[in-house]
PDB file of all heavy atoms in Angstrom:
ATOM      1  N   SER A   1     123.782 164.666 102.833  1.00  0.00           N
ATOM      2  CA  SER A   1     123.095 163.924 101.790  1.00  0.00           C
ATOM      3  C   SER A   1     123.754 164.282 100.465  1.00  0.00           C
ATOM      4  O   SER A   1     124.025 165.458 100.201  1.00  0.00           O
ATOM      5  CB  SER A   1     121.606 164.289 101.775  1.00  0.00           C
ATOM      6  OG  SER A   1     120.917 163.428 100.908  1.00  0.00           O
ATOM      7  N   THR A   2     124.024 163.269  99.656  1.00  0.00           N
ATOM      8  CA  THR A   2     124.713 163.477  98.391  1.00  0.00           C
ATOM      9  C   THR A   2     124.313 162.390  97.410  1.00  0.00           C
ATOM     10  O   THR A   2     123.728 161.377  97.797  1.00  0.00           O
ATOM     11  CB  THR A   2     126.242 163.494  98.600  1.00  0.00           C
ATOM     12  OG1 THR A   2     126.885 163.901  97.402  1.00  0.00           O
ATOM     13  CG2 THR A   2     126.763 162.120  99.010  1.00  0.00           C
ATOM     14  N   ASP A   3     124.655 162.589  96.144  1.00  0.00           N
ATOM     15  CA  ASP A   3     124.463 161.521  95.160  1.00  0.00           C
ATOM     16  C   ASP A   3     125.359 160.351  95.560  1.00  0.00           C
ATOM     17  O   ASP A   3     126.505 160.552  95.963  1.00  0.00           O
ATOM     18  CB  ASP A   3     124.844 161.987  93.756  1.00  0.00           C
ATOM     19  CG  ASP A   3     123.868 163.009  93.194  1.00  0.00           C
ATOM     20  OD1 ASP A   3     122.740 163.089  93.705  1.00  0.00           O
ATOM     21  OD2 ASP A   3     124.248 163.710  92.248  1.00  0.00           O
ATOM     22  N   PHE A   4     124.820 159.149  95.461  1.00  0.00           N
ATOM     23  CA  PHE A   4     125.587 157.955  95.800  1.00  0.00           C
ATOM     24  C   PHE A   4     126.521 157.632  94.643  1.00  0.00           C
ATOM     25  O   PHE A   4     126.085 157.432  93.517  1.00  0.00           O
ATOM     26  CB  PHE A   4     124.643 156.782  96.078  1.00  0.00           C
ATOM     27  CG  PHE A   4     125.338 155.515  96.440  1.00  0.00           C
ATOM     28  CD1 PHE A   4     126.118 155.432  97.577  1.00  0.00           C
ATOM     29  CD2 PHE A   4     125.212 154.396  95.642  1.00  0.00           C
ATOM     30  CE1 PHE A   4     126.769 154.260  97.920  1.00  0.00           C
ATOM     31  CE2 PHE A   4     125.844 153.215  95.972  1.00  0.00           C
ATOM     32  CZ  PHE A   4     126.621 153.150  97.119  1.00  0.00           C
ATOM     33  N   GLY A   5     127.812 157.597  94.917  1.00  0.00           N
ATOM     34  CA  GLY A   5     128.822 157.382  93.884  1.00  0.00           C
ATOM     35  C   GLY A   5     128.989 155.937  93.466  1.00  0.00           C
ATOM     36  O   GLY A   5     129.490 155.663  92.383  1.00  0.00           O
ATOM     37  N   GLY A   6     128.595 155.002  94.316  1.00  0.00           N
ATOM     38  CA  GLY A   6     128.715 153.594  93.984  1.00  0.00           C
ATOM     39  C   GLY A   6     129.291 152.781  95.126  1.00  0.00           C
ATOM     40  O   GLY A   6     129.853 153.312  96.081  1.00  0.00           O
ATOM     41  N   TRP A   7     129.123 151.472  95.009  1.00  0.00           N
ATOM     42  CA  TRP A   7     129.645 150.542  96.015  1.00  0.00           C
ATOM     43  C   TRP A   7     131.169 150.600  95.973  1.00  0.00           C
ATOM     44  O   TRP A   7     131.763 150.766  94.921  1.00  0.00           O
ATOM     45  CB  TRP A   7     129.148 149.118  95.736  1.00  0.00           C
ATOM     46  CG  TRP A   7     127.672 149.066  95.490  1.00  0.00           C
ATOM     47  CD1 TRP A   7     127.061 148.748  94.318  1.00  0.00           C
ATOM     48  CD2 TRP A   7     126.618 149.378  96.402  1.00  0.00           C
ATOM     49  NE1 TRP A   7     125.695 148.833  94.443  1.00  0.00           N
ATOM     50  CE2 TRP A   7     125.393 149.214  95.719  1.00  0.00           C
ATOM     51  CE3 TRP A   7     126.589 149.779  97.726  1.00  0.00           C
ATOM     52  CZ2 TRP A   7     124.161 149.434  96.321  1.00  0.00           C
ATOM     53  CZ3 TRP A   7     125.351 149.999  98.326  1.00  0.00           C
ATOM     54  CH2 TRP A   7     124.164 149.818  97.627  1.00  0.00           C
ATOM     55  N   GLN A   8     131.790 150.455  97.099  1.00  0.00           N
ATOM     56  CA  GLN A   8     133.238 150.444  97.275  1.00  0.00           C
ATOM     57  C   GLN A   8     133.883 151.824  97.133  1.00  0.00           C
ATOM     58  O   GLN A   8     135.074 151.958  97.314  1.00  0.00           O
ATOM     59  CB  GLN A   8     133.926 149.464  96.312  1.00  0.00           C
ATOM     60  CG  GLN A   8     133.497 148.029  96.431  1.00  0.00           C
ATOM     61  CD  GLN A   8     133.912 147.403  97.756  1.00  0.00           C
ATOM     62  OE1 GLN A   8     134.840 147.841  98.415  1.00  0.00           O
ATOM     63  NE2 GLN A   8     133.197 146.359  98.151  1.00  0.00           N
ATOM     64  N   LEU A   9     133.120 152.854  96.803  1.00  0.00           N
ATOM     65  CA  LEU A   9     133.667 154.203  96.668  1.00  0.00           C
ATOM     66  C   LEU A   9     133.643 154.890  98.031  1.00  0.00           C
ATOM     67  O   LEU A   9     132.647 154.800  98.746  1.00  0.00           O
ATOM     68  CB  LEU A   9     132.844 155.021  95.674  1.00  0.00           C
ATOM     69  CG  LEU A   9     133.284 156.462  95.502  1.00  0.00           C
ATOM     70  CD1 LEU A   9     134.555 156.516  94.659  1.00  0.00           C
ATOM     71  CD2 LEU A   9     132.195 157.274  94.845  1.00  0.00           C
ATOM     72  N   THR A  10     134.715 155.563  98.376  1.00  0.00           N
ATOM     73  CA  THR A  10     134.747 156.302  99.627  1.00  0.00           C
ATOM     74  C   THR A  10     134.115 157.677  99.406  1.00  0.00           C
ATOM     75  O   THR A  10     134.582 158.450  98.579  1.00  0.00           O
ATOM     76  CB  THR A  10     136.186 156.460 100.144  1.00  0.00           C
ATOM     77  OG1 THR A  10     136.747 155.159 100.362  1.00  0.00           O
ATOM     78  CG2 THR A  10     136.225 157.246 101.442  1.00  0.00           C
ATOM     79  N   HIS A  11     133.053 157.942 100.138  1.00  0.00           N
ATOM     80  CA  HIS A  11     132.391 159.248 100.095  1.00  0.00           C
ATOM     81  C   HIS A  11     133.004 160.103 101.191  1.00  0.00           C
ATOM     82  O   HIS A  11     133.237 159.629 102.301  1.00  0.00           O
ATOM     83  CB  HIS A  11     130.887 159.083 100.323  1.00  0.00           C
ATOM     84  CG  HIS A  11     130.202 158.353  99.228  1.00  0.00           C
ATOM     85  ND1 HIS A  11     130.259 156.974  99.109  1.00  0.00           N
ATOM     86  CD2 HIS A  11     129.471 158.796  98.181  1.00  0.00           C
ATOM     87  CE1 HIS A  11     129.579 156.616  98.033  1.00  0.00           C
ATOM     88  NE2 HIS A  11     129.090 157.701  97.455  1.00  0.00           N
ATOM     89  N   ARG A  12     133.261 161.365 100.887  1.00  0.00           N
ATOM     90  CA  ARG A  12     133.882 162.276 101.848  1.00  0.00           C
ATOM     91  C   ARG A  12     132.946 163.449 102.129  1.00  0.00           C
ATOM     92  O   ARG A  12     132.373 164.017 101.215  1.00  0.00           O
ATOM     93  CB  ARG A  12     135.208 162.783 101.298  1.00  0.00           C
ATOM     94  CG  ARG A  12     136.244 161.696 101.201  1.00  0.00           C
ATOM     95  CD  ARG A  12     137.495 162.186 100.467  1.00  0.00           C
ATOM     96  NE  ARG A  12     138.528 161.170 100.425  1.00  0.00           N
ATOM     97  CZ  ARG A  12     138.552 160.178  99.563  1.00  0.00           C
ATOM     98  NH1 ARG A  12     137.613 160.058  98.658  1.00  0.00           N
ATOM     99  NH2 ARG A  12     139.523 159.292  99.597  1.00  0.00           N
ATOM    100  N   PHE A  13     132.843 163.777 103.409  1.00  0.00           N
ATOM    101  CA  PHE A  13     131.978 164.871 103.841  1.00  0.00           C
ATOM    102  C   PHE A  13     132.780 165.807 104.734  1.00  0.00           C
ATOM    103  O   PHE A  13     133.474 165.355 105.641  1.00  0.00           O
ATOM    104  CB  PHE A  13     130.778 164.341 104.635  1.00  0.00           C
ATOM    105  CG  PHE A  13     129.961 163.333 103.881  1.00  0.00           C
ATOM    106  CD1 PHE A  13     130.172 161.974 104.056  1.00  0.00           C
ATOM    107  CD2 PHE A  13     128.983 163.749 102.996  1.00  0.00           C
ATOM    108  CE1 PHE A  13     129.422 161.042 103.366  1.00  0.00           C
ATOM    109  CE2 PHE A  13     128.215 162.820 102.297  1.00  0.00           C
ATOM    110  CZ  PHE A  13     128.440 161.465 102.484  1.00  0.00           C
ATOM    111  N   LEU A  14     132.674 167.105 104.488  1.00  0.00           N
ATOM    112  CA  LEU A  14     133.324 168.099 105.325  1.00  0.00           C
ATOM    113  C   LEU A  14     132.431 168.365 106.529  1.00  0.00           C
ATOM    114  O   LEU A  14     131.253 168.690 106.387  1.00  0.00           O
ATOM    115  CB  LEU A  14     133.552 169.400 104.546  1.00  0.00           C
ATOM    116  CG  LEU A  14     134.141 170.559 105.346  1.00  0.00           C
ATOM    117  CD1 LEU A  14     135.538 170.180 105.873  1.00  0.00           C
ATOM    118  CD2 LEU A  14     134.211 171.810 104.493  1.00  0.00           C
ATOM    119  N   VAL A  15     132.999 168.234 107.709  1.00  0.00           N
ATOM    120  CA  VAL A  15     132.260 168.461 108.950  1.00  0.00           C
ATOM    121  C   VAL A  15     132.221 169.965 109.215  1.00  0.00           C
ATOM    122  O   VAL A  15     133.264 170.607 109.304  1.00  0.00           O
ATOM    123  CB  VAL A  15     132.924 167.716 110.128  1.00  0.00           C
ATOM    124  CG1 VAL A  15     132.194 168.011 111.423  1.00  0.00           C
ATOM    125  CG2 VAL A  15     132.972 166.220 109.851  1.00  0.00           C
ATOM    126  N   GLU A  16     131.015 170.510 109.320  1.00  0.00           N
ATOM    127  CA  GLU A  16     130.856 171.949 109.555  1.00  0.00           C
ATOM    128  C   GLU A  16     130.411 172.273 110.976  1.00  0.00           C
ATOM    129  O   GLU A  16     130.567 173.402 111.423  1.00  0.00           O
ATOM    130  CB  GLU A  16     129.869 172.531 108.547  1.00  0.00           C
ATOM    131  CG  GLU A  16     130.402 172.437 107.124  1.00  0.00           C
ATOM    132  CD  GLU A  16     129.439 172.989 106.095  1.00  0.00           C
ATOM    133  OE1 GLU A  16     128.329 173.438 106.464  1.00  0.00           O
ATOM    134  OE2 GLU A  16     129.805 172.974 104.916  1.00  0.00           O
ATOM    135  N   SER A  17     129.833 171.292 111.686  1.00  0.00           N
ATOM    136  CA  SER A  17     129.389 171.472 113.068  1.00  0.00           C
ATOM    137  C   SER A  17     129.727 170.218 113.855  1.00  0.00           C
ATOM    138  O   SER A  17     129.811 169.131 113.285  1.00  0.00           O
ATOM    139  CB  SER A  17     127.872 171.688 113.125  1.00  0.00           C
ATOM    140  OG  SER A  17     127.498 172.813 112.386  1.00  0.00           O
ATOM    141  N   ARG A  18     129.887 170.366 115.147  1.00  0.00           N
ATOM    142  CA  ARG A  18     130.131 169.191 115.986  1.00  0.00           C
ATOM    143  C   ARG A  18     128.960 168.223 115.823  1.00  0.00           C
ATOM    144  O   ARG A  18     127.801 168.625 115.904  1.00  0.00           O
ATOM    145  CB  ARG A  18     130.282 169.586 117.451  1.00  0.00           C
ATOM    146  CG  ARG A  18     131.520 170.388 117.722  1.00  0.00           C
ATOM    147  CD  ARG A  18     131.625 170.735 119.200  1.00  0.00           C
ATOM    148  NE  ARG A  18     132.819 171.500 119.452  1.00  0.00           N
ATOM    149  CZ  ARG A  18     134.008 170.961 119.708  1.00  0.00           C
ATOM    150  NH1 ARG A  18     134.142 169.664 119.766  1.00  0.00           N
ATOM    151  NH2 ARG A  18     135.054 171.727 119.917  1.00  0.00           N
ATOM    152  N   CYS A  19     129.291 166.954 115.582  1.00  0.00           N
ATOM    153  CA  CYS A  19     128.232 165.972 115.348  1.00  0.00           C
ATOM    154  C   CYS A  19     128.752 164.565 115.620  1.00  0.00           C
ATOM    155  O   CYS A  19     129.951 164.349 115.771  1.00  0.00           O
ATOM    156  CB  CYS A  19     127.710 166.067 113.917  1.00  0.00           C
ATOM    157  SG  CYS A  19     128.958 165.723 112.658  1.00  0.00           S
ATOM    158  N   THR A  20     127.818 163.623 115.663  1.00  0.00           N
ATOM    159  CA  THR A  20     128.136 162.210 115.820  1.00  0.00           C
ATOM    160  C   THR A  20     127.296 161.430 114.817  1.00  0.00           C
ATOM    161  O   THR A  20     126.088 161.253 115.013  1.00  0.00           O
ATOM    162  CB  THR A  20     127.819 161.720 117.246  1.00  0.00           C
ATOM    163  OG1 THR A  20     128.501 162.543 118.182  1.00  0.00           O
ATOM    164  CG2 THR A  20     128.252 160.272 117.438  1.00  0.00           C
ATOM    165  N   PRO A  21     127.894 160.967 113.710  1.00  0.00           N
ATOM    166  CA  PRO A  21     127.154 160.152 112.743  1.00  0.00           C
ATOM    167  C   PRO A  21     126.742 158.828 113.383  1.00  0.00           C
ATOM    168  O   PRO A  21     127.503 158.248 114.160  1.00  0.00           O
ATOM    169  CB  PRO A  21     128.161 159.911 111.618  1.00  0.00           C
ATOM    170  CG  PRO A  21     129.277 160.863 111.853  1.00  0.00           C
ATOM    171  CD  PRO A  21     129.271 161.192 113.306  1.00  0.00           C
ATOM    172  N   ARG A  22     125.536 158.347 113.056  1.00  0.00           N
ATOM    173  CA  ARG A  22     125.037 157.099 113.640  1.00  0.00           C
ATOM    174  C   ARG A  22     124.707 156.036 112.600  1.00  0.00           C
ATOM    175  O   ARG A  22     124.940 154.868 112.816  1.00  0.00           O
ATOM    176  CB  ARG A  22     123.776 157.383 114.475  1.00  0.00           C
ATOM    177  CG  ARG A  22     123.999 158.315 115.628  1.00  0.00           C
ATOM    178  CD  ARG A  22     124.813 157.716 116.712  1.00  0.00           C
ATOM    179  NE  ARG A  22     124.028 156.608 117.259  1.00  0.00           N
ATOM    180  CZ  ARG A  22     124.516 155.651 118.014  1.00  0.00           C
ATOM    181  NH1 ARG A  22     125.756 155.632 118.324  1.00  0.00           N
ATOM    182  NH2 ARG A  22     123.752 154.697 118.456  1.00  0.00           N
ATOM    183  N   ARG A  23     124.118 156.459 111.479  1.00  0.00           N
ATOM    184  CA  ARG A  23     123.733 155.460 110.477  1.00  0.00           C
ATOM    185  C   ARG A  23     123.642 156.114 109.100  1.00  0.00           C
ATOM    186  O   ARG A  23     123.683 157.328 108.985  1.00  0.00           O
ATOM    187  CB  ARG A  23     122.430 154.772 110.846  1.00  0.00           C
ATOM    188  CG  ARG A  23     121.267 155.682 111.062  1.00  0.00           C
ATOM    189  CD  ARG A  23     120.064 154.957 111.695  1.00  0.00           C
ATOM    190  NE  ARG A  23     118.994 155.907 111.909  1.00  0.00           N
ATOM    191  CZ  ARG A  23     118.093 156.254 111.000  1.00  0.00           C
ATOM    192  NH1 ARG A  23     118.111 155.687 109.812  1.00  0.00           N
ATOM    193  NH2 ARG A  23     117.160 157.141 111.262  1.00  0.00           N
ATOM    194  N   TYR A  24     123.513 155.269 108.086  1.00  0.00           N
ATOM    195  CA  TYR A  24     123.406 155.752 106.710  1.00  0.00           C
ATOM    196  C   TYR A  24     122.294 154.990 105.991  1.00  0.00           C
ATOM    197  O   TYR A  24     121.890 153.913 106.421  1.00  0.00           O
ATOM    198  CB  TYR A  24     124.729 155.573 105.940  1.00  0.00           C
ATOM    199  CG  TYR A  24     125.046 154.122 105.677  1.00  0.00           C
ATOM    200  CD1 TYR A  24     124.574 153.488 104.526  1.00  0.00           C
ATOM    201  CD2 TYR A  24     125.775 153.362 106.582  1.00  0.00           C
ATOM    202  CE1 TYR A  24     124.829 152.149 104.297  1.00  0.00           C
ATOM    203  CE2 TYR A  24     126.039 152.029 106.350  1.00  0.00           C
ATOM    204  CZ  TYR A  24     125.567 151.429 105.214  1.00  0.00           C
ATOM    205  OH  TYR A  24     125.805 150.099 104.987  1.00  0.00           O
ATOM    206  N   VAL A  25     121.836 155.576 104.896  1.00  0.00           N
ATOM    207  CA  VAL A  25     120.885 154.892 104.020  1.00  0.00           C
ATOM    208  C   VAL A  25     121.190 155.299 102.582  1.00  0.00           C
ATOM    209  O   VAL A  25     121.506 156.447 102.314  1.00  0.00           O
ATOM    210  CB  VAL A  25     119.412 155.187 104.398  1.00  0.00           C
ATOM    211  CG1 VAL A  25     119.065 156.648 104.208  1.00  0.00           C
ATOM    212  CG2 VAL A  25     118.459 154.308 103.617  1.00  0.00           C
ATOM    213  N   VAL A  26     121.146 154.319 101.689  1.00  0.00           N
ATOM    214  CA  VAL A  26     121.270 154.559 100.252  1.00  0.00           C
ATOM    215  C   VAL A  26     119.899 154.257  99.681  1.00  0.00           C
ATOM    216  O   VAL A  26     119.369 153.167  99.886  1.00  0.00           O
ATOM    217  CB  VAL A  26     122.326 153.627  99.606  1.00  0.00           C
ATOM    218  CG1 VAL A  26     122.361 153.831  98.104  1.00  0.00           C
ATOM    219  CG2 VAL A  26     123.700 153.857 100.230  1.00  0.00           C
TER     220      VAL A  26
END
């Protein structure tokens, strides 16, 4: 979870544990 930077901006997240992203919400 992070501050939303804006439409068309690529958000980057460092993976710290094995996971499978499924969906997002702004």
